[in-house]
């Protein structure tokens, strides 16, 4: 999911932006929605990671209330992408799922490539299929 800066930042916040500050404000914005919907407060665990010289990621999570017996925890990875925040979210249903989900989301953030132009999905699918055909021929 993406959120434009205008959803949660003031014009002044945008001018004096640091990725870490933006990610913190976005986390508080998203957390307020969760707390309002579920009518509870969450104790958030968070860490800021630098996955490359350009990519700062805020990793945050919280435990779900007992009434959500199938989902024990929510895990989020967020990063700044031009004038939006990209948010990956996953749910943990068993304690053993946390490390695996963390690794999947971390790898997704590491492989993230921001493009200046929109990607044409049909062209992308065609190029992927052509690549697979070529591999079979080799």
N, C-alpha and C. Protein backbone atom coordinates (compact mmCIF):
# COMPACT_ATOMS: atom_id res chain seq x y z
N UNK A 1 0.85 -1.16 0.00
CA UNK A 1 0.00 0.00 0.00
C UNK A 1 0.90 1.23 0.00
N UNK A 2 0.44 2.29 -0.63
CA UNK A 2 1.18 3.55 -0.59
C UNK A 2 0.30 4.64 0.00
N UNK A 3 0.93 5.61 0.62
CA UNK A 3 0.22 6.77 1.17
C UNK A 3 0.95 8.01 0.71
N UNK A 4 0.25 8.92 0.03
CA UNK A 4 0.90 10.18 -0.36
C UNK A 4 1.22 11.01 0.88
N UNK A 5 2.31 11.76 0.81
CA UNK A 5 2.70 12.60 1.94
C UNK A 5 1.55 13.49 2.40
N UNK A 6 0.75 13.97 1.45
CA UNK A 6 -0.33 14.90 1.79
C UNK A 6 -1.37 14.28 2.73
N UNK A 7 -1.42 12.95 2.83
CA UNK A 7 -2.36 12.29 3.75
C UNK A 7 -1.98 12.47 5.22
N UNK A 8 -0.70 12.67 5.50
CA UNK A 8 -0.28 12.68 6.90
C UNK A 8 0.78 13.72 7.26
N UNK A 9 1.24 14.51 6.29
CA UNK A 9 2.25 15.54 6.55
C UNK A 9 1.71 16.93 6.24
N UNK A 10 2.18 17.91 6.99
CA UNK A 10 1.86 19.30 6.66
C UNK A 10 2.86 19.77 5.61
N UNK A 11 2.59 20.92 5.01
CA UNK A 11 3.52 21.50 4.03
C UNK A 11 4.88 21.74 4.68
N UNK A 12 4.88 22.16 5.93
CA UNK A 12 6.14 22.42 6.65
C UNK A 12 6.92 21.11 6.88
N UNK A 13 6.21 20.04 7.22
CA UNK A 13 6.86 18.74 7.39
C UNK A 13 7.55 18.31 6.10
N UNK A 14 6.88 18.53 4.98
CA UNK A 14 7.43 18.10 3.69
C UNK A 14 8.70 18.88 3.36
N UNK A 15 8.72 20.18 3.67
CA UNK A 15 9.91 21.01 3.39
C UNK A 15 11.13 20.52 4.16
N UNK A 16 10.93 20.22 5.41
CA UNK A 16 12.07 19.84 6.27
C UNK A 16 12.14 18.33 6.43
N UNK A 17 11.89 17.63 5.35
CA UNK A 17 11.75 16.19 5.44
C UNK A 17 13.07 15.45 5.62
N UNK A 18 13.07 14.52 6.53
CA UNK A 18 14.08 13.48 6.59
C UNK A 18 13.29 12.19 6.49
N UNK A 19 13.85 11.20 5.83
CA UNK A 19 13.11 9.95 5.64
C UNK A 19 12.67 9.35 6.98
N UNK A 20 13.55 9.39 7.96
CA UNK A 20 13.22 8.81 9.27
C UNK A 20 12.04 9.54 9.90
N UNK A 21 12.04 10.87 9.84
CA UNK A 21 10.94 11.65 10.42
C UNK A 21 9.64 11.38 9.69
N UNK A 22 9.69 11.28 8.37
CA UNK A 22 8.49 10.98 7.58
C UNK A 22 7.94 9.61 7.94
N UNK A 23 8.82 8.63 8.05
CA UNK A 23 8.37 7.27 8.38
C UNK A 23 7.76 7.21 9.77
N UNK A 24 8.32 7.96 10.71
CA UNK A 24 7.75 8.01 12.07
C UNK A 24 6.35 8.61 12.04
N UNK A 25 6.18 9.71 11.33
CA UNK A 25 4.86 10.35 11.24
C UNK A 25 3.85 9.42 10.56
N UNK A 26 4.31 8.73 9.52
CA UNK A 26 3.42 7.81 8.83
C UNK A 26 3.00 6.66 9.75
N UNK A 27 3.94 6.12 10.50
CA UNK A 27 3.62 5.04 11.43
C UNK A 27 2.54 5.51 12.42
N UNK A 28 2.69 6.71 12.97
CA UNK A 28 1.71 7.23 13.92
C UNK A 28 0.34 7.41 13.26
N UNK A 29 0.35 7.85 12.01
CA UNK A 29 -0.87 8.03 11.23
C UNK A 29 -1.59 6.68 11.04
N UNK A 30 -0.85 5.66 10.61
CA UNK A 30 -1.43 4.32 10.40
C UNK A 30 -1.87 3.70 11.72
N UNK A 31 -1.06 3.86 12.74
CA UNK A 31 -1.37 3.29 14.06
C UNK A 31 -2.67 3.89 14.61
N UNK A 32 -2.88 5.18 14.42
CA UNK A 32 -4.11 5.82 14.89
C UNK A 32 -5.34 5.18 14.25
N UNK A 33 -5.24 4.84 12.96
CA UNK A 33 -6.35 4.16 12.29
C UNK A 33 -6.62 2.79 12.89
N UNK A 34 -5.56 2.03 13.16
CA UNK A 34 -5.72 0.70 13.77
C UNK A 34 -6.37 0.83 15.14
N UNK A 35 -5.84 1.76 15.93
CA UNK A 35 -6.35 1.92 17.30
C UNK A 35 -7.82 2.36 17.30
N UNK A 36 -8.18 3.21 16.37
CA UNK A 36 -9.57 3.66 16.27
C UNK A 36 -10.49 2.51 15.85
N UNK A 37 -10.05 1.73 14.88
CA UNK A 37 -10.87 0.62 14.38
C UNK A 37 -11.06 -0.48 15.43
N UNK A 38 -10.00 -0.76 16.18
CA UNK A 38 -10.04 -1.87 17.14
C UNK A 38 -10.38 -1.39 18.55
N UNK A 39 -10.35 -0.09 18.75
CA UNK A 39 -10.67 0.53 20.04
C UNK A 39 -9.74 0.05 21.14
N UNK A 40 -8.45 0.10 20.83
CA UNK A 40 -7.43 -0.26 21.82
C UNK A 40 -6.14 0.47 21.48
N UNK A 41 -5.23 0.53 22.44
CA UNK A 41 -3.90 1.10 22.20
C UNK A 41 -2.91 -0.03 22.03
N UNK A 42 -1.91 0.22 21.21
CA UNK A 42 -0.90 -0.80 20.96
C UNK A 42 0.46 -0.35 21.46
N UNK A 43 1.21 -1.30 21.96
CA UNK A 43 2.60 -1.05 22.32
C UNK A 43 3.43 -1.45 21.10
N UNK A 44 4.04 -0.47 20.45
CA UNK A 44 4.75 -0.71 19.19
C UNK A 44 6.23 -0.96 19.44
N UNK A 45 6.72 -1.99 18.78
CA UNK A 45 8.16 -2.26 18.72
C UNK A 45 8.63 -1.73 17.38
N UNK A 46 9.75 -1.01 17.34
CA UNK A 46 10.19 -0.45 16.07
C UNK A 46 11.71 -0.38 15.99
N UNK A 47 12.17 -0.41 14.77
CA UNK A 47 13.59 -0.23 14.50
C UNK A 47 13.73 0.44 13.13
N UNK A 48 14.71 1.32 13.02
CA UNK A 48 15.01 1.94 11.74
C UNK A 48 16.22 1.23 11.17
N UNK A 49 16.12 0.81 9.92
CA UNK A 49 17.21 0.08 9.26
C UNK A 49 17.60 0.82 8.00
N UNK A 50 18.85 0.74 7.66
CA UNK A 50 19.34 1.28 6.40
C UNK A 50 19.72 0.07 5.54
N UNK A 51 18.89 -0.21 4.52
CA UNK A 51 19.11 -1.40 3.70
C UNK A 51 20.07 -1.13 2.55
N UNK A 52 20.26 0.13 2.22
CA UNK A 52 21.25 0.54 1.22
C UNK A 52 21.54 2.00 1.50
N UNK A 53 22.45 2.59 0.72
CA UNK A 53 22.76 3.99 1.00
C UNK A 53 21.57 4.91 0.71
N UNK A 54 20.63 4.45 -0.10
CA UNK A 54 19.45 5.26 -0.41
C UNK A 54 18.20 4.83 0.35
N UNK A 55 18.15 3.63 0.87
CA UNK A 55 16.90 3.08 1.38
C UNK A 55 16.89 2.96 2.91
N UNK A 56 16.12 3.84 3.56
CA UNK A 56 15.86 3.76 4.99
C UNK A 56 14.51 3.08 5.16
N UNK A 57 14.44 2.12 6.06
CA UNK A 57 13.22 1.36 6.29
C UNK A 57 12.88 1.40 7.77
N UNK A 58 11.61 1.67 8.04
CA UNK A 58 11.12 1.58 9.41
C UNK A 58 10.40 0.25 9.54
N UNK A 59 10.86 -0.58 10.46
CA UNK A 59 10.23 -1.87 10.74
C UNK A 59 9.50 -1.70 12.06
N UNK A 60 8.20 -1.99 12.05
CA UNK A 60 7.44 -1.86 13.28
C UNK A 60 6.40 -2.95 13.38
N UNK A 61 6.06 -3.26 14.61
CA UNK A 61 5.11 -4.35 14.86
C UNK A 61 4.39 -4.11 16.17
N UNK A 62 3.28 -4.80 16.31
CA UNK A 62 2.56 -4.79 17.57
C UNK A 62 1.76 -6.08 17.71
N UNK A 63 1.54 -6.46 18.94
CA UNK A 63 0.74 -7.65 19.24
C UNK A 63 -0.73 -7.29 19.16
N UNK A 64 -1.51 -8.23 18.67
CA UNK A 64 -2.95 -8.04 18.55
C UNK A 64 -3.65 -8.46 19.84
N UNK A 65 -4.79 -7.84 20.14
CA UNK A 65 -5.54 -8.24 21.34
C UNK A 65 -5.97 -9.71 21.26
N UNK A 66 -6.23 -10.29 22.39
CA UNK A 66 -6.56 -11.72 22.49
C UNK A 66 -7.78 -12.11 21.66
N UNK A 67 -8.74 -11.19 21.47
CA UNK A 67 -9.94 -11.57 20.71
C UNK A 67 -9.63 -11.89 19.25
N UNK A 68 -8.46 -11.51 18.77
CA UNK A 68 -8.04 -11.85 17.41
C UNK A 68 -7.16 -13.10 17.48
N UNK A 69 -7.76 -14.21 17.87
CA UNK A 69 -7.01 -15.42 18.16
C UNK A 69 -6.25 -15.99 16.96
N UNK A 70 -6.67 -15.68 15.73
CA UNK A 70 -5.96 -16.20 14.56
C UNK A 70 -4.76 -15.34 14.16
N UNK A 71 -4.76 -14.08 14.57
CA UNK A 71 -3.65 -13.17 14.25
C UNK A 71 -3.04 -12.72 15.57
N UNK A 72 -1.78 -13.09 15.79
CA UNK A 72 -1.15 -12.73 17.06
C UNK A 72 -0.39 -11.41 16.98
N UNK A 73 0.07 -11.06 15.76
CA UNK A 73 0.90 -9.85 15.65
C UNK A 73 0.80 -9.30 14.22
N UNK A 74 1.02 -8.00 14.10
CA UNK A 74 1.10 -7.32 12.80
C UNK A 74 2.55 -6.87 12.61
N UNK A 75 3.07 -7.03 11.40
CA UNK A 75 4.45 -6.62 11.09
C UNK A 75 4.39 -5.69 9.88
N UNK A 76 5.11 -4.58 9.95
CA UNK A 76 5.13 -3.57 8.89
C UNK A 76 6.57 -3.20 8.52
N UNK A 77 6.78 -2.99 7.24
CA UNK A 77 8.01 -2.41 6.72
C UNK A 77 7.58 -1.20 5.90
N UNK A 78 8.14 -0.03 6.17
CA UNK A 78 7.77 1.15 5.39
C UNK A 78 9.04 1.88 4.93
N UNK A 79 8.91 2.53 3.77
CA UNK A 79 10.03 3.28 3.22
C UNK A 79 9.48 4.44 2.39
N UNK A 80 10.30 5.47 2.23
CA UNK A 80 9.92 6.63 1.42
C UNK A 80 10.20 6.33 -0.05
N UNK A 81 9.22 6.63 -0.90
CA UNK A 81 9.36 6.48 -2.34
C UNK A 81 8.89 7.77 -3.00
N UNK A 82 9.83 8.64 -3.32
CA UNK A 82 9.53 9.95 -3.89
C UNK A 82 8.61 10.73 -2.96
N UNK A 83 7.33 10.91 -3.29
CA UNK A 83 6.42 11.69 -2.43
C UNK A 83 5.33 10.81 -1.80
N UNK A 84 5.66 9.54 -1.58
CA UNK A 84 4.77 8.58 -0.93
C UNK A 84 5.56 7.75 0.08
N UNK A 85 4.82 7.09 0.94
CA UNK A 85 5.41 6.05 1.78
C UNK A 85 4.83 4.73 1.28
N UNK A 86 5.72 3.79 1.03
CA UNK A 86 5.32 2.43 0.66
C UNK A 86 5.29 1.61 1.94
N UNK A 87 4.19 0.92 2.17
CA UNK A 87 4.01 0.13 3.38
C UNK A 87 3.72 -1.31 3.03
N UNK A 88 4.55 -2.21 3.53
CA UNK A 88 4.28 -3.65 3.42
C UNK A 88 3.77 -4.10 4.77
N UNK A 89 2.73 -4.91 4.78
CA UNK A 89 2.13 -5.39 6.02
C UNK A 89 1.91 -6.89 5.93
N UNK A 90 2.23 -7.55 7.01
CA UNK A 90 1.97 -8.98 7.09
C UNK A 90 1.47 -9.33 8.48
N UNK A 91 0.77 -10.44 8.57
CA UNK A 91 0.26 -10.88 9.87
C UNK A 91 1.00 -12.14 10.30
N UNK A 92 1.17 -12.23 11.60
CA UNK A 92 1.82 -13.40 12.19
C UNK A 92 0.74 -14.20 12.90
N UNK A 93 0.65 -15.46 12.53
CA UNK A 93 -0.36 -16.32 13.13
C UNK A 93 0.25 -17.30 14.13
N UNK A 94 1.54 -17.51 14.05
CA UNK A 94 2.26 -18.39 14.98
C UNK A 94 3.59 -17.72 15.28
N UNK A 95 4.15 -17.98 16.44
CA UNK A 95 5.43 -17.35 16.79
C UNK A 95 6.52 -17.71 15.79
N UNK A 96 6.47 -18.89 15.23
CA UNK A 96 7.51 -19.32 14.29
C UNK A 96 7.42 -18.56 12.96
N UNK A 97 6.28 -17.91 12.68
CA UNK A 97 6.11 -17.18 11.42
C UNK A 97 6.89 -15.86 11.38
N UNK A 98 7.20 -15.28 12.53
CA UNK A 98 7.78 -13.93 12.58
C UNK A 98 9.07 -13.84 11.78
N UNK A 99 10.03 -14.70 12.06
CA UNK A 99 11.33 -14.63 11.38
C UNK A 99 11.21 -14.83 9.88
N UNK A 100 10.36 -15.75 9.47
CA UNK A 100 10.17 -16.02 8.05
C UNK A 100 9.53 -14.82 7.35
N UNK A 101 8.47 -14.28 7.94
CA UNK A 101 7.80 -13.11 7.36
C UNK A 101 8.75 -11.91 7.33
N UNK A 102 9.51 -11.73 8.39
CA UNK A 102 10.48 -10.63 8.45
C UNK A 102 11.44 -10.73 7.27
N UNK A 103 11.96 -11.90 7.03
CA UNK A 103 12.93 -12.11 5.95
C UNK A 103 12.31 -11.85 4.58
N UNK A 104 11.09 -12.31 4.36
CA UNK A 104 10.40 -12.08 3.08
C UNK A 104 10.22 -10.58 2.85
N UNK A 105 9.76 -9.87 3.88
CA UNK A 105 9.52 -8.44 3.73
C UNK A 105 10.83 -7.66 3.58
N UNK A 106 11.85 -8.08 4.29
CA UNK A 106 13.17 -7.45 4.16
C UNK A 106 13.70 -7.63 2.74
N UNK A 107 13.59 -8.83 2.19
CA UNK A 107 14.05 -9.09 0.82
C UNK A 107 13.26 -8.27 -0.19
N UNK A 108 11.96 -8.12 0.04
CA UNK A 108 11.14 -7.29 -0.85
C UNK A 108 11.63 -5.84 -0.84
N UNK A 109 11.93 -5.32 0.33
CA UNK A 109 12.44 -3.95 0.41
C UNK A 109 13.82 -3.82 -0.22
N UNK A 110 14.65 -4.82 -0.05
CA UNK A 110 16.00 -4.78 -0.65
C UNK A 110 15.92 -4.79 -2.17
N UNK A 111 14.92 -5.45 -2.73
CA UNK A 111 14.83 -5.56 -4.19
C UNK A 111 13.97 -4.46 -4.81
N UNK A 112 13.44 -3.58 -4.00
CA UNK A 112 12.57 -2.51 -4.49
C UNK A 112 13.33 -1.59 -5.44
N UNK A 113 12.74 -1.35 -6.60
CA UNK A 113 13.31 -0.43 -7.59
C UNK A 113 12.26 0.62 -7.92
N UNK A 114 12.60 1.88 -7.69
CA UNK A 114 11.69 2.98 -7.96
C UNK A 114 11.94 3.46 -9.39
N UNK A 115 10.89 3.55 -10.17
CA UNK A 115 10.99 3.97 -11.56
C UNK A 115 10.43 5.38 -11.72
N UNK A 116 10.96 6.11 -12.70
CA UNK A 116 10.46 7.46 -12.98
C UNK A 116 9.16 7.45 -13.75
N UNK A 117 8.91 6.37 -14.48
CA UNK A 117 7.70 6.27 -15.29
C UNK A 117 6.90 5.07 -14.83
N UNK A 118 5.58 5.13 -15.01
CA UNK A 118 4.75 3.95 -14.66
C UNK A 118 5.17 2.74 -15.49
N UNK A 119 5.04 1.58 -14.89
CA UNK A 119 5.36 0.34 -15.58
C UNK A 119 4.09 -0.17 -16.25
N UNK A 120 4.20 -0.49 -17.53
CA UNK A 120 3.07 -1.07 -18.26
C UNK A 120 3.03 -2.56 -17.94
N UNK A 121 1.99 -2.99 -17.25
CA UNK A 121 1.89 -4.38 -16.78
C UNK A 121 1.93 -5.36 -17.95
N UNK A 122 1.27 -5.02 -19.07
CA UNK A 122 1.27 -5.92 -20.23
C UNK A 122 2.68 -6.10 -20.79
N UNK A 123 3.43 -5.00 -20.91
CA UNK A 123 4.81 -5.09 -21.39
C UNK A 123 5.67 -5.91 -20.44
N UNK A 124 5.45 -5.74 -19.13
CA UNK A 124 6.21 -6.48 -18.13
C UNK A 124 5.93 -7.97 -18.25
N UNK A 125 4.66 -8.33 -18.38
CA UNK A 125 4.28 -9.75 -18.53
C UNK A 125 4.88 -10.32 -19.80
N UNK A 126 4.79 -9.57 -20.91
CA UNK A 126 5.35 -10.03 -22.18
C UNK A 126 6.85 -10.26 -22.07
N UNK A 127 7.56 -9.32 -21.42
CA UNK A 127 9.02 -9.47 -21.31
C UNK A 127 9.38 -10.65 -20.42
N UNK A 128 8.58 -10.90 -19.39
CA UNK A 128 8.82 -12.04 -18.51
C UNK A 128 8.59 -13.35 -19.25
N UNK A 129 7.51 -13.41 -20.03
CA UNK A 129 7.22 -14.63 -20.80
C UNK A 129 8.28 -14.87 -21.87
N UNK A 130 8.74 -13.81 -22.51
CA UNK A 130 9.80 -13.94 -23.52
C UNK A 130 11.09 -14.43 -22.88
N UNK A 131 11.37 -13.95 -21.68
CA UNK A 131 12.57 -14.38 -20.97
C UNK A 131 12.51 -15.86 -20.62
N UNK A 132 11.32 -16.32 -20.19
CA UNK A 132 11.14 -17.73 -19.86
C UNK A 132 11.29 -18.61 -21.12
N UNK A 133 10.74 -18.14 -22.23
CA UNK A 133 10.83 -18.90 -23.50
C UNK A 133 12.28 -19.01 -23.92
N UNK A 134 13.01 -17.92 -23.79
CA UNK A 134 14.42 -17.90 -24.19
C UNK A 134 15.23 -18.88 -23.33
N UNK A 135 14.93 -18.92 -22.02
CA UNK A 135 15.64 -19.83 -21.12
C UNK A 135 15.39 -21.28 -21.52
N UNK A 136 14.17 -21.61 -21.93
CA UNK A 136 13.84 -22.97 -22.34
C UNK A 136 14.59 -23.34 -23.62
N UNK A 137 14.75 -22.35 -24.51
CA UNK A 137 15.45 -22.60 -25.77
C UNK A 137 16.95 -22.83 -25.57
N UNK A 138 17.49 -22.19 -24.50
CA UNK A 138 18.94 -22.32 -24.24
C UNK A 138 19.21 -23.63 -23.63
